[in-house]
Structures are given as C-alpha cells and as structure tokens.
Amino acid sequence: QVQLVESGGGLVQTGGSLRLSCAVSANILGLDVVGWYRQAPGEQRESVATVTRYAITTYKDSVKGRFTISRDIAKNTVYLQMNSLKPEDTAVYYCHVLHHSLNSWGQGTLVTVSS
C-alpha cells in the first residue's frame, strides 16, 4: 500500500494563496495517476487536479488558471498551488494515487477560505 501524507492546508482570505503538499511513499514516476480531490461539507468528493506518470495534467474547470499541480520527482512529492482562492474552494483536500488495482487516499487537509 502506498502511504500519502498531505500538508499545507489552513485558513486564508479570499484572493489568497496556499500550497498543498503530498508526500508519497513510493516512486511517483512509477504511479499511473496522482491527484488532488476535495470534499466540501455535504458534498461528494470531486477531482480537482491530476497528473499522470507522463506529466499529463487535468483540472476541474472551476480551478483552471488558478490551481497548478506539480511534482518534485526527487522528493516523491506532489504539490497543488492554489491562487486566487474563493470561498467555494473551502473543503478538505485529499491526495490520491491510482495505479492498476491500487487506490490510496491521504488523510486530508482542511482548506478554509474566508470571505
């Protein structure tokens, strides 16, 4: 099983920025997809941004141009840079790995954007 440890969440004002980190206990180049999901209170978990082993990225439409997913291969860490944050970005953010039958989640980190 792959272990994922998120960090970087917190409270920020509208328009502010945060960078989330996900430390992965495996070589991320060997993983099919690593991504960030989020779940707001009373809502379903949704995909925010993903990156494949070939560095192909995808983004939820509402975060395009504001969020950037990136990788530090040497540190086996995946980041989510979040700029121009809005109150509707408030959620618990989870790191996720998908690789063949492997489907791992981190414990989540809370992001709160105040208006």
C-alpha atoms as a PDB file:
ATOM      1  CA  GLN A   1       0.000   0.000   0.000  1.00  0.00           C
ATOM      2  CA  VAL A   2       1.220   3.498  -0.781  1.00  0.00           C
ATOM      3  CA  GLN A   3       1.198   5.999   2.082  1.00  0.00           C
ATOM      4  CA  LEU A   4       0.214   9.592   1.388  1.00  0.00           C
ATOM      5  CA  VAL A   5       0.734  12.476   3.794  1.00  0.00           C
ATOM      6  CA  GLU A   6      -0.792  15.847   2.992  1.00  0.00           C
ATOM      7  CA  SER A   7       0.157  19.179   4.486  1.00  0.00           C
ATOM      8  CA  GLY A   8      -0.273  22.869   3.798  1.00  0.00           C
ATOM      9  CA  GLY A   9      -3.931  23.467   4.491  1.00  0.00           C
ATOM     10  CA  GLY A  10      -5.161  26.354   6.575  1.00  0.00           C
ATOM     11  CA  LEU A  11      -7.266  29.482   6.734  1.00  0.00           C
ATOM     12  CA  VAL A  12      -6.844  32.105   4.037  1.00  0.00           C
ATOM     13  CA  GLN A  13      -8.782  35.136   2.878  1.00  0.00           C
ATOM     14  CA  THR A  14     -10.493  35.379  -0.490  1.00  0.00           C
ATOM     15  CA  GLY A  15      -7.900  36.036  -3.153  1.00  0.00           C
ATOM     16  CA  GLY A  16      -5.113  34.450  -1.152  1.00  0.00           C
ATOM     17  CA  SER A  17      -2.871  31.520  -1.944  1.00  0.00           C
ATOM     18  CA  LEU A  18      -1.930  28.198  -0.404  1.00  0.00           C
ATOM     19  CA  ARG A  19       0.323  25.369  -1.486  1.00  0.00           C
ATOM     20  CA  LEU A  20      -0.623  21.830  -0.547  1.00  0.00           C
ATOM     21  CA  SER A  21       1.983  19.079  -0.422  1.00  0.00           C
ATOM     22  CA  CYS A  22       1.538  15.326  -0.690  1.00  0.00           C
ATOM     23  CA  ALA A  23       4.472  13.172   0.326  1.00  0.00           C
ATOM     24  CA  VAL A  24       4.224   9.777  -1.372  1.00  0.00           C
ATOM     25  CA  SER A  25       5.911   6.643  -0.014  1.00  0.00           C
ATOM     26  CA  ALA A  26       6.722   5.391  -3.498  1.00  0.00           C
ATOM     27  CA  ASN A  27       8.449   6.467  -6.669  1.00  0.00           C
ATOM     28  CA  ILE A  28       5.826   8.752  -8.168  1.00  0.00           C
ATOM     29  CA  LEU A  29       7.170   8.208 -11.670  1.00  0.00           C
ATOM     30  CA  GLY A  30       6.031   4.607 -11.331  1.00  0.00           C
ATOM     31  CA  LEU A  31       2.450   5.526 -10.466  1.00  0.00           C
ATOM     32  CA  ASP A  32      -0.204   5.854 -13.133  1.00  0.00           C
ATOM     33  CA  VAL A  33      -2.011   8.884 -11.685  1.00  0.00           C
ATOM     34  CA  VAL A  34      -1.534  11.094  -8.652  1.00  0.00           C
ATOM     35  CA  GLY A  35      -4.101  13.722  -7.935  1.00  0.00           C
ATOM     36  CA  TRP A  36      -5.894  16.062  -5.592  1.00  0.00           C
ATOM     37  CA  TYR A  37      -9.550  15.706  -4.686  1.00  0.00           C
ATOM     38  CA  ARG A  38     -11.691  17.754  -2.373  1.00  0.00           C
ATOM     39  CA  GLN A  39     -14.849  17.315  -0.378  1.00  0.00           C
ATOM     40  CA  ALA A  40     -16.904  20.191   0.936  1.00  0.00           C
ATOM     41  CA  PRO A  41     -19.436  19.679   3.766  1.00  0.00           C
ATOM     42  CA  GLY A  42     -22.495  17.904   2.460  1.00  0.00           C
ATOM     43  CA  GLU A  43     -20.947  17.423  -0.959  1.00  0.00           C
ATOM     44  CA  GLN A  44     -19.437  14.496  -2.813  1.00  0.00           C
ATOM     45  CA  ARG A  45     -15.708  14.176  -3.210  1.00  0.00           C
ATOM     46  CA  GLU A  46     -14.574  15.606  -6.526  1.00  0.00           C
ATOM     47  CA  SER A  47     -11.426  15.623  -8.581  1.00  0.00           C
ATOM     48  CA  VAL A  48      -9.542  18.911  -8.566  1.00  0.00           C
ATOM     49  CA  ALA A  49      -6.321  18.160 -10.443  1.00  0.00           C
ATOM     50  CA  THR A  50      -4.427  15.079 -11.559  1.00  0.00           C
ATOM     51  CA  VAL A  51      -1.072  14.306 -13.110  1.00  0.00           C
ATOM     52  CA  THR A  52      -0.094  11.094 -14.861  1.00  0.00           C
ATOM     53  CA  ARG A  53       3.286   9.423 -14.905  1.00  0.00           C
ATOM     54  CA  TYR A  54       3.752  11.070 -18.309  1.00  0.00           C
ATOM     55  CA  ALA A  55       3.160  14.512 -16.763  1.00  0.00           C
ATOM     56  CA  ILE A  56      -0.251  14.951 -18.393  1.00  0.00           C
ATOM     57  CA  THR A  57      -2.382  17.147 -16.189  1.00  0.00           C
ATOM     58  CA  THR A  58      -6.132  17.625 -15.885  1.00  0.00           C
ATOM     59  CA  TYR A  59      -8.061  20.215 -13.911  1.00  0.00           C
ATOM     60  CA  LYS A  60     -11.579  20.776 -12.734  1.00  0.00           C
ATOM     61  CA  ASP A  61     -12.998  23.580 -14.865  1.00  0.00           C
ATOM     62  CA  SER A  62     -13.597  25.910 -11.942  1.00  0.00           C
ATOM     63  CA  VAL A  63      -9.928  25.843 -10.867  1.00  0.00           C
ATOM     64  CA  LYS A  64      -8.309  26.180 -14.289  1.00  0.00           C
ATOM     65  CA  GLY A  65      -5.990  29.152 -14.366  1.00  0.00           C
ATOM     66  CA  ARG A  66      -5.928  29.349 -10.556  1.00  0.00           C
ATOM     67  CA  PHE A  67      -4.574  25.969  -9.419  1.00  0.00           C
ATOM     68  CA  THR A  68      -1.443  24.190 -10.593  1.00  0.00           C
ATOM     69  CA  ILE A  69      -0.444  20.611  -9.888  1.00  0.00           C
ATOM     70  CA  SER A  70       3.260  19.806  -9.975  1.00  0.00           C
ATOM     71  CA  ARG A  71       5.710  17.128  -8.941  1.00  0.00           C
ATOM     72  CA  ASP A  72       9.128  17.004  -7.307  1.00  0.00           C
ATOM     73  CA  ILE A  73      10.431  13.671  -8.505  1.00  0.00           C
ATOM     74  CA  ALA A  74      13.462  13.690  -6.198  1.00  0.00           C
ATOM     75  CA  LYS A  75      11.243  14.177  -3.151  1.00  0.00           C
ATOM     76  CA  ASN A  76       8.356  11.970  -4.342  1.00  0.00           C
ATOM     77  CA  THR A  77       6.080  14.863  -3.545  1.00  0.00           C
ATOM     78  CA  VAL A  78       3.119  16.267  -5.434  1.00  0.00           C
ATOM     79  CA  TYR A  79       2.012  19.859  -4.916  1.00  0.00           C
ATOM     80  CA  LEU A  80      -1.144  21.816  -5.511  1.00  0.00           C
ATOM     81  CA  GLN A  81      -0.528  25.534  -5.801  1.00  0.00           C
ATOM     82  CA  MET A  82      -3.803  27.340  -5.238  1.00  0.00           C
ATOM     83  CA  ASN A  83      -4.068  31.021  -6.146  1.00  0.00           C
ATOM     84  CA  SER A  84      -6.968  33.464  -6.199  1.00  0.00           C
ATOM     85  CA  LEU A  85      -8.812  31.319  -3.684  1.00  0.00           C
ATOM     86  CA  LYS A  86     -12.564  31.685  -3.338  1.00  0.00           C
ATOM     87  CA  PRO A  87     -14.936  30.740  -0.512  1.00  0.00           C
ATOM     88  CA  GLU A  88     -16.276  27.928  -2.702  1.00  0.00           C
ATOM     89  CA  ASP A  89     -12.820  26.339  -2.622  1.00  0.00           C
ATOM     90  CA  THR A  90     -13.341  25.603   1.062  1.00  0.00           C
ATOM     91  CA  ALA A  91     -13.084  21.833   1.553  1.00  0.00           C
ATOM     92  CA  VAL A  92     -10.973  19.006   2.846  1.00  0.00           C
ATOM     93  CA  TYR A  93      -8.372  18.286   0.196  1.00  0.00           C
ATOM     94  CA  TYR A  94      -7.178  14.727  -0.310  1.00  0.00           C
ATOM     95  CA  CYS A  95      -4.204  13.344  -2.149  1.00  0.00           C
ATOM     96  CA  HIS A  96      -4.940  10.233  -4.201  1.00  0.00           C
ATOM     97  CA  VAL A  97      -2.956   7.597  -6.050  1.00  0.00           C
ATOM     98  CA  LEU A  98      -4.333   5.300  -8.720  1.00  0.00           C
ATOM     99  CA  HIS A  99      -2.097   2.555 -10.051  1.00  0.00           C
ATOM    100  CA  HIS A 100      -3.552  -0.651 -11.517  1.00  0.00           C
ATOM    101  CA  SER A 101      -5.587  -2.065  -8.611  1.00  0.00           C
ATOM    102  CA  LEU A 102      -4.005   0.305  -6.101  1.00  0.00           C
ATOM    103  CA  ASN A 103      -6.309   3.078  -4.923  1.00  0.00           C
ATOM    104  CA  SER A 104      -4.846   5.038  -1.988  1.00  0.00           C
ATOM    105  CA  TRP A 105      -6.014   8.158  -0.151  1.00  0.00           C
ATOM    106  CA  GLY A 106      -4.306  10.510   2.240  1.00  0.00           C
ATOM    107  CA  GLN A 107      -5.895  11.664   5.475  1.00  0.00           C
ATOM    108  CA  GLY A 108      -6.876  15.041   4.063  1.00  0.00           C
ATOM    109  CA  THR A 109      -6.004  18.625   4.864  1.00  0.00           C
ATOM    110  CA  LEU A 110      -8.570  21.339   5.509  1.00  0.00           C
ATOM    111  CA  VAL A 111      -8.609  24.490   3.419  1.00  0.00           C
ATOM    112  CA  THR A 112     -10.869  27.295   4.575  1.00  0.00           C
ATOM    113  CA  VAL A 113     -11.308  30.438   2.501  1.00  0.00           C
ATOM    114  CA  SER A 114     -12.950  33.308   4.321  1.00  0.00           C
ATOM    115  CA  SER A 115     -14.991  35.921   2.502  1.00  0.00           C
END
